[in-house]
N, C-alpha and C. Protein backbone atom coordinates (compact mmCIF):
# COMPACT_ATOMS: atom_id res chain seq x y z
N MET A 1 10.22 115.59 76.82
CA MET A 1 10.62 114.63 75.80
C MET A 1 9.64 113.47 75.80
N ARG A 2 9.20 113.08 74.61
CA ARG A 2 8.27 111.96 74.49
C ARG A 2 8.98 110.65 74.79
N LYS A 3 8.22 109.70 75.31
CA LYS A 3 8.78 108.37 75.52
C LYS A 3 9.09 107.74 74.17
N SER A 4 10.24 107.07 74.09
CA SER A 4 10.68 106.54 72.81
C SER A 4 9.77 105.45 72.26
N ILE A 5 9.01 104.80 73.13
CA ILE A 5 8.13 103.73 72.65
C ILE A 5 7.07 104.28 71.70
N HIS A 6 6.79 105.57 71.80
CA HIS A 6 5.77 106.18 70.94
C HIS A 6 6.37 107.13 69.92
N SER A 7 7.66 107.14 69.77
CA SER A 7 8.31 108.09 68.88
C SER A 7 8.32 107.60 67.44
N THR A 8 8.55 108.54 66.56
CA THR A 8 8.71 108.21 65.15
C THR A 8 9.88 107.26 64.96
N GLN A 9 10.96 107.49 65.69
CA GLN A 9 12.13 106.63 65.57
C GLN A 9 11.81 105.20 65.98
N ASN A 10 11.01 105.04 67.03
CA ASN A 10 10.63 103.69 67.44
C ASN A 10 9.76 103.04 66.38
N SER A 11 8.91 103.81 65.73
CA SER A 11 8.09 103.27 64.64
C SER A 11 8.97 102.74 63.51
N VAL A 12 10.05 103.44 63.22
CA VAL A 12 11.00 102.99 62.19
C VAL A 12 11.63 101.67 62.62
N LEU A 13 12.04 101.59 63.88
CA LEU A 13 12.62 100.35 64.41
C LEU A 13 11.63 99.19 64.28
N LEU A 14 10.40 99.40 64.68
CA LEU A 14 9.40 98.33 64.64
C LEU A 14 9.12 97.89 63.20
N ARG A 15 9.04 98.84 62.30
CA ARG A 15 8.82 98.51 60.89
C ARG A 15 9.99 97.69 60.35
N LEU A 16 11.21 98.09 60.71
CA LEU A 16 12.39 97.35 60.25
C LEU A 16 12.43 95.94 60.84
N LEU A 17 12.07 95.79 62.10
CA LEU A 17 12.01 94.46 62.71
C LEU A 17 11.04 93.56 61.96
N ARG A 18 9.84 94.08 61.71
CA ARG A 18 8.83 93.29 61.01
C ARG A 18 9.28 92.98 59.59
N ASP A 19 9.74 94.00 58.87
CA ASP A 19 10.17 93.80 57.49
C ASP A 19 11.31 92.79 57.40
N THR A 20 12.21 92.83 58.36
CA THR A 20 13.32 91.88 58.37
C THR A 20 12.81 90.45 58.53
N ARG A 21 11.86 90.26 59.43
CA ARG A 21 11.26 88.93 59.62
C ARG A 21 10.57 88.47 58.34
N VAL A 22 9.77 89.34 57.76
CA VAL A 22 9.04 88.99 56.55
C VAL A 22 10.00 88.69 55.39
N ASN A 23 11.06 89.47 55.29
CA ASN A 23 12.03 89.27 54.20
C ASN A 23 12.75 87.93 54.27
N VAL A 24 12.88 87.37 55.48
CA VAL A 24 13.49 86.03 55.58
C VAL A 24 12.41 84.94 55.58
N ARG A 25 11.18 85.37 55.30
CA ARG A 25 10.04 84.45 55.11
C ARG A 25 9.71 83.61 56.34
N LEU A 26 9.72 84.28 57.48
CA LEU A 26 9.30 83.61 58.71
C LEU A 26 8.00 84.21 59.21
N ARG A 27 7.13 83.34 59.67
CA ARG A 27 5.92 83.79 60.35
C ARG A 27 6.29 84.16 61.78
N GLN A 28 5.43 84.91 62.43
CA GLN A 28 5.66 85.25 63.83
C GLN A 28 5.84 83.98 64.66
N ALA A 29 5.04 82.98 64.39
CA ALA A 29 5.12 81.73 65.15
C ALA A 29 6.47 81.04 64.96
N ASP A 30 7.00 81.11 63.74
CA ASP A 30 8.31 80.51 63.47
C ASP A 30 9.42 81.22 64.25
N LEU A 31 9.38 82.55 64.23
CA LEU A 31 10.37 83.32 64.98
C LEU A 31 10.24 83.02 66.47
N ALA A 32 9.01 82.98 66.95
CA ALA A 32 8.77 82.71 68.37
C ALA A 32 9.40 81.38 68.78
N THR A 33 9.22 80.36 67.96
CA THR A 33 9.81 79.05 68.25
C THR A 33 11.33 79.15 68.32
N ARG A 34 11.91 79.88 67.39
CA ARG A 34 13.37 80.01 67.36
C ARG A 34 13.94 80.74 68.57
N ILE A 35 13.18 81.70 69.11
CA ILE A 35 13.69 82.46 70.26
C ILE A 35 13.15 81.94 71.58
N GLY A 36 12.32 80.90 71.52
CA GLY A 36 11.78 80.32 72.74
C GLY A 36 10.75 81.19 73.43
N ALA A 37 9.92 81.83 72.62
CA ALA A 37 8.88 82.72 73.15
C ALA A 37 7.54 82.34 72.54
N ALA A 38 6.50 82.96 73.04
CA ALA A 38 5.17 82.77 72.47
C ALA A 38 5.00 83.66 71.24
N GLN A 39 4.15 83.23 70.32
CA GLN A 39 3.86 84.05 69.14
C GLN A 39 3.31 85.40 69.57
N ALA A 40 2.55 85.42 70.65
CA ALA A 40 1.99 86.69 71.14
C ALA A 40 3.08 87.68 71.53
N THR A 41 4.20 87.18 72.01
CA THR A 41 5.32 88.05 72.37
C THR A 41 5.88 88.73 71.13
N VAL A 42 6.07 87.97 70.07
CA VAL A 42 6.56 88.55 68.81
C VAL A 42 5.57 89.59 68.31
N SER A 43 4.31 89.28 68.36
CA SER A 43 3.28 90.22 67.93
C SER A 43 3.31 91.50 68.75
N LYS A 44 3.43 91.37 70.06
CA LYS A 44 3.47 92.55 70.93
C LYS A 44 4.69 93.42 70.65
N VAL A 45 5.82 92.79 70.39
CA VAL A 45 7.02 93.56 70.06
C VAL A 45 6.80 94.31 68.75
N GLU A 46 6.30 93.62 67.74
CA GLU A 46 6.12 94.25 66.44
C GLU A 46 5.06 95.35 66.46
N ARG A 47 4.12 95.28 67.38
CA ARG A 47 3.10 96.33 67.52
C ARG A 47 3.53 97.44 68.46
N GLY A 48 4.67 97.27 69.12
CA GLY A 48 5.16 98.30 70.03
C GLY A 48 4.58 98.22 71.43
N GLU A 49 3.95 97.11 71.75
CA GLU A 49 3.37 96.93 73.09
C GLU A 49 4.39 96.39 74.08
N ARG A 50 5.47 95.83 73.56
CA ARG A 50 6.55 95.30 74.40
C ARG A 50 7.87 95.69 73.76
N ARG A 51 8.79 96.13 74.58
CA ARG A 51 10.09 96.55 74.07
C ARG A 51 11.11 95.42 74.17
N LEU A 52 12.11 95.49 73.33
CA LEU A 52 13.25 94.57 73.39
C LEU A 52 14.44 95.32 73.96
N ASP A 53 15.18 94.67 74.85
CA ASP A 53 16.46 95.26 75.23
C ASP A 53 17.48 94.82 74.19
N VAL A 54 18.68 95.35 74.28
CA VAL A 54 19.68 95.10 73.24
C VAL A 54 20.08 93.62 73.17
N ILE A 55 20.08 92.93 74.30
CA ILE A 55 20.43 91.50 74.29
C ILE A 55 19.32 90.70 73.61
N GLU A 56 18.06 91.06 73.89
CA GLU A 56 16.94 90.39 73.21
C GLU A 56 16.97 90.68 71.72
N LEU A 57 17.28 91.91 71.35
CA LEU A 57 17.35 92.26 69.93
C LEU A 57 18.41 91.42 69.23
N ARG A 58 19.54 91.25 69.87
CA ARG A 58 20.62 90.43 69.28
C ARG A 58 20.14 88.99 69.07
N ALA A 59 19.48 88.42 70.07
CA ALA A 59 18.96 87.05 69.94
C ALA A 59 17.91 86.96 68.84
N TRP A 60 17.05 87.96 68.77
CA TRP A 60 16.00 88.04 67.75
C TRP A 60 16.64 88.01 66.36
N LEU A 61 17.66 88.84 66.18
CA LEU A 61 18.33 88.92 64.88
C LEU A 61 19.10 87.65 64.56
N GLN A 62 19.71 87.03 65.56
CA GLN A 62 20.39 85.75 65.33
C GLN A 62 19.39 84.71 64.85
N ALA A 63 18.19 84.72 65.43
CA ALA A 63 17.16 83.77 65.02
C ALA A 63 16.72 84.01 63.57
N LEU A 64 16.86 85.25 63.12
CA LEU A 64 16.54 85.59 61.73
C LEU A 64 17.74 85.43 60.81
N ASP A 65 18.89 85.08 61.38
CA ASP A 65 20.15 84.95 60.64
C ASP A 65 20.53 86.28 59.98
N VAL A 66 20.38 87.36 60.77
CA VAL A 66 20.68 88.71 60.31
C VAL A 66 21.75 89.28 61.23
N SER A 67 22.74 89.91 60.65
CA SER A 67 23.81 90.53 61.42
C SER A 67 23.29 91.70 62.25
N PHE A 68 23.65 91.69 63.52
CA PHE A 68 23.29 92.80 64.42
C PHE A 68 23.84 94.12 63.88
N VAL A 69 25.09 94.10 63.46
CA VAL A 69 25.74 95.32 62.95
C VAL A 69 25.04 95.81 61.68
N ASP A 70 24.72 94.90 60.78
CA ASP A 70 24.02 95.29 59.55
C ASP A 70 22.65 95.87 59.86
N PHE A 71 21.94 95.25 60.81
CA PHE A 71 20.61 95.73 61.18
C PHE A 71 20.70 97.15 61.75
N VAL A 72 21.63 97.36 62.66
CA VAL A 72 21.77 98.69 63.28
C VAL A 72 22.20 99.72 62.25
N SER A 73 23.05 99.34 61.32
CA SER A 73 23.45 100.25 60.25
C SER A 73 22.25 100.64 59.39
N GLU A 74 21.42 99.67 59.07
CA GLU A 74 20.22 99.96 58.29
C GLU A 74 19.26 100.84 59.09
N LEU A 75 19.11 100.55 60.36
CA LEU A 75 18.26 101.38 61.22
C LEU A 75 18.77 102.82 61.23
N ASP A 76 20.06 102.99 61.38
CA ASP A 76 20.64 104.33 61.40
C ASP A 76 20.39 105.05 60.08
N ARG A 77 20.47 104.34 58.98
CA ARG A 77 20.21 104.93 57.67
C ARG A 77 18.76 105.39 57.54
N LEU A 78 17.84 104.64 58.13
CA LEU A 78 16.41 104.94 58.00
C LEU A 78 15.91 106.00 58.97
N LEU A 79 16.62 106.19 60.06
CA LEU A 79 16.13 107.13 61.08
C LEU A 79 16.20 108.57 60.58
N PRO A 80 15.15 109.34 60.93
CA PRO A 80 15.14 110.76 60.51
C PRO A 80 16.20 111.56 61.24
């Protein structure tokens, strides 16, 4: 089994994370400030170089003012 960090499903997750940030009109630096991280961290997550655990994902989405449940529902809809 391939590692999920390199899977098609993970690519869908990363695209949705980035698109969600862009749709709320935040730059990586703005999101980083809101979550108390460096802009480089946001960039690494969006490029798939660093993974988020579920607690980090929840905080990330709260910073974007996006419902965790809605995000996961959309992710489920998009996954192959």
